[in-house]
Amino acid sequence: MRTTLDLEPDVFLQARQIAQAERTSMGKTISRLLRERFQSPPPALGQDGQPLTADAQGFVMRNGFAVLPPGGRKITLEHVQRIMDEEGI
């Protein structure tokens, strides 16, 4: 499908560098990058609606606390109480 996109200059340059390195077209490169993005979970957003960025250890911080990635099991009060009992807290 043919279309016209108005890319920001920095995005265009990065996409062109990737396409050249992979020896493929810009269209295929941008399609692959978008497909990868659509398959991954959306980024955590701060109160201002902007994506949160990871710190040096790879943790996304919100209000001074690391935000856990989506998925996994839910931690209930019973889980916390059991661990506190086991550790004598």
N, C-alpha and C. Protein backbone atom coordinates (compact mmCIF):
# COMPACT_ATOMS: atom_id res chain seq x y z
N MET A 1 0.84 -1.17 0.00
CA MET A 1 0.00 0.00 0.00
C MET A 1 0.89 1.24 0.00
N ARG A 2 0.61 2.14 -0.85
CA ARG A 2 1.42 3.34 -0.99
C ARG A 2 0.74 4.49 -0.26
N THR A 3 1.53 5.23 0.54
CA THR A 3 1.02 6.41 1.24
C THR A 3 2.16 7.39 1.45
N THR A 4 1.82 8.58 1.90
CA THR A 4 2.83 9.60 2.17
C THR A 4 2.82 9.90 3.66
N LEU A 5 3.99 9.90 4.26
CA LEU A 5 4.14 10.22 5.69
C LEU A 5 5.02 11.44 5.84
N ASP A 6 4.71 12.25 6.84
CA ASP A 6 5.53 13.40 7.18
C ASP A 6 6.27 13.04 8.47
N LEU A 7 7.51 12.57 8.34
CA LEU A 7 8.30 12.14 9.49
C LEU A 7 9.15 13.28 10.03
N GLU A 8 9.34 13.27 11.33
CA GLU A 8 10.27 14.22 11.94
C GLU A 8 11.67 13.89 11.42
N PRO A 9 12.54 14.90 11.27
CA PRO A 9 13.86 14.65 10.69
C PRO A 9 14.68 13.59 11.44
N ASP A 10 14.64 13.59 12.78
CA ASP A 10 15.43 12.61 13.53
C ASP A 10 14.91 11.20 13.31
N VAL A 11 13.59 11.04 13.21
CA VAL A 11 13.00 9.73 12.98
C VAL A 11 13.35 9.24 11.58
N PHE A 12 13.27 10.14 10.61
CA PHE A 12 13.62 9.79 9.24
C PHE A 12 15.06 9.29 9.15
N LEU A 13 15.98 10.02 9.80
CA LEU A 13 17.40 9.63 9.74
C LEU A 13 17.64 8.28 10.39
N GLN A 14 17.01 8.05 11.54
CA GLN A 14 17.19 6.76 12.20
C GLN A 14 16.61 5.62 11.36
N ALA A 15 15.43 5.83 10.79
CA ALA A 15 14.82 4.80 9.95
C ALA A 15 15.68 4.52 8.72
N ARG A 16 16.22 5.57 8.13
CA ARG A 16 17.08 5.40 6.95
C ARG A 16 18.35 4.63 7.32
N GLN A 17 18.94 4.94 8.48
CA GLN A 17 20.14 4.21 8.92
C GLN A 17 19.84 2.73 9.13
N ILE A 18 18.69 2.44 9.75
CA ILE A 18 18.31 1.04 9.97
C ILE A 18 18.09 0.34 8.63
N ALA A 19 17.38 1.00 7.72
CA ALA A 19 17.10 0.41 6.40
C ALA A 19 18.40 0.13 5.65
N GLN A 20 19.34 1.06 5.71
CA GLN A 20 20.61 0.84 5.02
C GLN A 20 21.39 -0.30 5.66
N ALA A 21 21.39 -0.36 6.99
CA ALA A 21 22.11 -1.42 7.68
C ALA A 21 21.51 -2.80 7.38
N GLU A 22 20.19 -2.84 7.25
CA GLU A 22 19.50 -4.11 6.97
C GLU A 22 19.35 -4.38 5.47
N ARG A 23 19.81 -3.42 4.67
CA ARG A 23 19.73 -3.54 3.21
C ARG A 23 18.29 -3.83 2.76
N THR A 24 17.39 -2.98 3.25
CA THR A 24 15.98 -3.10 2.89
C THR A 24 15.41 -1.71 2.65
N SER A 25 14.17 -1.64 2.22
CA SER A 25 13.56 -0.34 1.91
C SER A 25 13.08 0.35 3.18
N MET A 26 12.89 1.66 3.07
CA MET A 26 12.35 2.43 4.19
C MET A 26 10.95 1.92 4.54
N GLY A 27 10.14 1.61 3.55
CA GLY A 27 8.79 1.13 3.80
C GLY A 27 8.78 -0.15 4.62
N LYS A 28 9.63 -1.11 4.23
CA LYS A 28 9.69 -2.37 4.97
C LYS A 28 10.24 -2.15 6.37
N THR A 29 11.22 -1.28 6.50
CA THR A 29 11.80 -0.99 7.81
C THR A 29 10.78 -0.36 8.74
N ILE A 30 10.08 0.65 8.26
CA ILE A 30 9.09 1.33 9.11
C ILE A 30 7.93 0.38 9.43
N SER A 31 7.52 -0.44 8.47
CA SER A 31 6.46 -1.42 8.74
C SER A 31 6.90 -2.38 9.84
N ARG A 32 8.13 -2.89 9.76
CA ARG A 32 8.62 -3.82 10.79
C ARG A 32 8.67 -3.15 12.15
N LEU A 33 9.19 -1.93 12.20
CA LEU A 33 9.29 -1.22 13.48
C LEU A 33 7.91 -0.97 14.09
N LEU A 34 6.95 -0.60 13.27
CA LEU A 34 5.59 -0.39 13.78
C LEU A 34 4.96 -1.70 14.25
N ARG A 35 5.16 -2.79 13.48
CA ARG A 35 4.64 -4.09 13.88
C ARG A 35 5.19 -4.49 15.25
N GLU A 36 6.50 -4.30 15.45
CA GLU A 36 7.12 -4.64 16.73
C GLU A 36 6.51 -3.80 17.85
N ARG A 37 6.29 -2.53 17.58
CA ARG A 37 5.72 -1.64 18.60
C ARG A 37 4.29 -2.03 18.93
N PHE A 38 3.50 -2.41 17.93
CA PHE A 38 2.11 -2.79 18.16
C PHE A 38 2.01 -4.08 18.95
N GLN A 39 3.02 -4.95 18.88
CA GLN A 39 2.98 -6.23 19.58
C GLN A 39 3.44 -6.11 21.02
N SER A 40 4.14 -5.04 21.37
CA SER A 40 4.62 -4.88 22.74
C SER A 40 3.59 -4.10 23.54
N PRO A 41 3.59 -4.26 24.88
CA PRO A 41 2.61 -3.54 25.69
C PRO A 41 2.87 -2.03 25.62
N PRO A 42 1.83 -1.24 25.79
CA PRO A 42 2.02 0.21 25.74
C PRO A 42 2.89 0.67 26.91
N PRO A 43 3.62 1.76 26.74
CA PRO A 43 4.47 2.24 27.81
C PRO A 43 3.65 2.77 28.98
N ALA A 44 4.23 2.69 30.18
CA ALA A 44 3.59 3.28 31.35
C ALA A 44 3.60 4.80 31.19
N LEU A 45 2.51 5.44 31.56
CA LEU A 45 2.40 6.88 31.40
C LEU A 45 2.39 7.56 32.76
N GLY A 46 3.04 8.69 32.84
CA GLY A 46 3.02 9.50 34.04
C GLY A 46 1.72 10.27 34.16
N GLN A 47 1.58 11.03 35.24
CA GLN A 47 0.37 11.81 35.46
C GLN A 47 0.16 12.86 34.37
N ASP A 48 1.25 13.26 33.72
CA ASP A 48 1.15 14.25 32.65
C ASP A 48 0.82 13.60 31.30
N GLY A 49 0.65 12.27 31.28
CA GLY A 49 0.32 11.57 30.05
C GLY A 49 1.53 11.22 29.20
N GLN A 50 2.73 11.60 29.63
CA GLN A 50 3.95 11.31 28.89
C GLN A 50 4.50 9.95 29.30
N PRO A 51 5.14 9.22 28.37
CA PRO A 51 5.72 7.93 28.74
C PRO A 51 6.81 8.09 29.80
N LEU A 52 6.80 7.17 30.75
CA LEU A 52 7.84 7.16 31.78
C LEU A 52 9.09 6.53 31.20
N THR A 53 10.25 7.02 31.58
CA THR A 53 11.50 6.47 31.07
C THR A 53 12.20 5.69 32.17
N ALA A 54 13.00 4.72 31.76
CA ALA A 54 13.70 3.86 32.71
C ALA A 54 14.92 4.57 33.28
N ASP A 55 15.25 4.23 34.53
CA ASP A 55 16.45 4.77 35.14
C ASP A 55 17.65 3.91 34.74
N ALA A 56 18.80 4.16 35.35
CA ALA A 56 20.03 3.47 34.98
C ALA A 56 19.94 1.95 35.20
N GLN A 57 19.11 1.50 36.16
CA GLN A 57 18.96 0.08 36.41
C GLN A 57 17.88 -0.56 35.56
N GLY A 58 17.20 0.25 34.73
CA GLY A 58 16.16 -0.29 33.87
C GLY A 58 14.77 -0.23 34.46
N PHE A 59 14.62 0.40 35.63
CA PHE A 59 13.31 0.52 36.25
C PHE A 59 12.62 1.80 35.83
N VAL A 60 11.34 1.70 35.55
CA VAL A 60 10.52 2.88 35.29
C VAL A 60 10.03 3.36 36.65
N MET A 61 10.25 4.62 36.95
CA MET A 61 9.92 5.15 38.26
C MET A 61 8.68 6.04 38.17
N ARG A 62 7.79 5.92 39.16
CA ARG A 62 6.63 6.80 39.28
C ARG A 62 6.50 7.17 40.75
N ASN A 63 6.53 8.45 41.03
CA ASN A 63 6.42 8.96 42.40
C ASN A 63 7.46 8.34 43.33
N GLY A 64 8.65 8.09 42.79
CA GLY A 64 9.74 7.55 43.60
C GLY A 64 9.74 6.04 43.75
N PHE A 65 8.82 5.34 43.12
CA PHE A 65 8.74 3.89 43.23
C PHE A 65 8.84 3.26 41.85
N ALA A 66 9.47 2.08 41.79
CA ALA A 66 9.59 1.37 40.52
C ALA A 66 8.23 0.82 40.12
N VAL A 67 7.87 1.00 38.86
CA VAL A 67 6.61 0.47 38.32
C VAL A 67 6.89 -0.91 37.76
N LEU A 68 6.15 -1.89 38.24
CA LEU A 68 6.33 -3.25 37.76
C LEU A 68 5.72 -3.39 36.37
N PRO A 69 6.30 -4.25 35.53
CA PRO A 69 5.74 -4.44 34.19
C PRO A 69 4.37 -5.10 34.28
N PRO A 70 3.50 -4.88 33.27
CA PRO A 70 2.18 -5.50 33.30
C PRO A 70 2.30 -7.01 33.18
N GLY A 71 1.28 -7.67 33.66
CA GLY A 71 1.26 -9.12 33.57
C GLY A 71 1.65 -9.76 34.89
N GLY A 72 1.83 -11.04 34.87
CA GLY A 72 2.16 -11.74 36.10
C GLY A 72 0.93 -11.90 36.97
N ARG A 73 1.15 -12.33 38.20
CA ARG A 73 0.00 -12.53 39.08
C ARG A 73 -0.20 -11.31 39.97
N LYS A 74 -1.41 -11.17 40.46
CA LYS A 74 -1.75 -10.06 41.33
C LYS A 74 -1.28 -10.38 42.75
N ILE A 75 -0.76 -9.37 43.41
CA ILE A 75 -0.32 -9.51 44.79
C ILE A 75 -1.45 -9.01 45.68
N THR A 76 -1.93 -9.89 46.54
CA THR A 76 -3.04 -9.53 47.42
C THR A 76 -2.52 -9.24 48.82
N LEU A 77 -3.39 -8.71 49.66
CA LEU A 77 -3.04 -8.44 51.05
C LEU A 77 -2.65 -9.74 51.75
N GLU A 78 -3.30 -10.83 51.40
CA GLU A 78 -2.96 -12.13 52.00
C GLU A 78 -1.53 -12.54 51.67
N HIS A 79 -1.09 -12.28 50.41
CA HIS A 79 0.30 -12.57 50.04
C HIS A 79 1.25 -11.78 50.93
N VAL A 80 0.98 -10.51 51.07
CA VAL A 80 1.86 -9.64 51.85
C VAL A 80 1.89 -10.08 53.30
N GLN A 81 0.73 -10.37 53.87
CA GLN A 81 0.67 -10.79 55.28
C GLN A 81 1.41 -12.11 55.50
N ARG A 82 1.28 -13.06 54.56
CA ARG A 82 1.97 -14.34 54.69
C ARG A 82 3.48 -14.14 54.67
N ILE A 83 3.97 -13.29 53.75
CA ILE A 83 5.41 -13.04 53.68
C ILE A 83 5.88 -12.32 54.93
N MET A 84 5.11 -11.37 55.42
CA MET A 84 5.48 -10.67 56.66
C MET A 84 5.55 -11.65 57.84
N ASP A 85 4.60 -12.59 57.91
CA ASP A 85 4.62 -13.60 58.97
C ASP A 85 5.85 -14.49 58.85
N GLU A 86 6.18 -14.91 57.61
CA GLU A 86 7.33 -15.77 57.39
C GLU A 86 8.64 -15.08 57.77
N GLU A 87 8.71 -13.77 57.55
CA GLU A 87 9.94 -13.03 57.84
C GLU A 87 9.94 -12.39 59.21
N GLY A 88 8.85 -12.60 59.97
CA GLY A 88 8.79 -12.07 61.33
C GLY A 88 8.67 -10.56 61.41
N ILE A 89 8.02 -10.00 60.46
CA ILE A 89 7.87 -8.53 60.44
C ILE A 89 6.55 -8.15 61.08
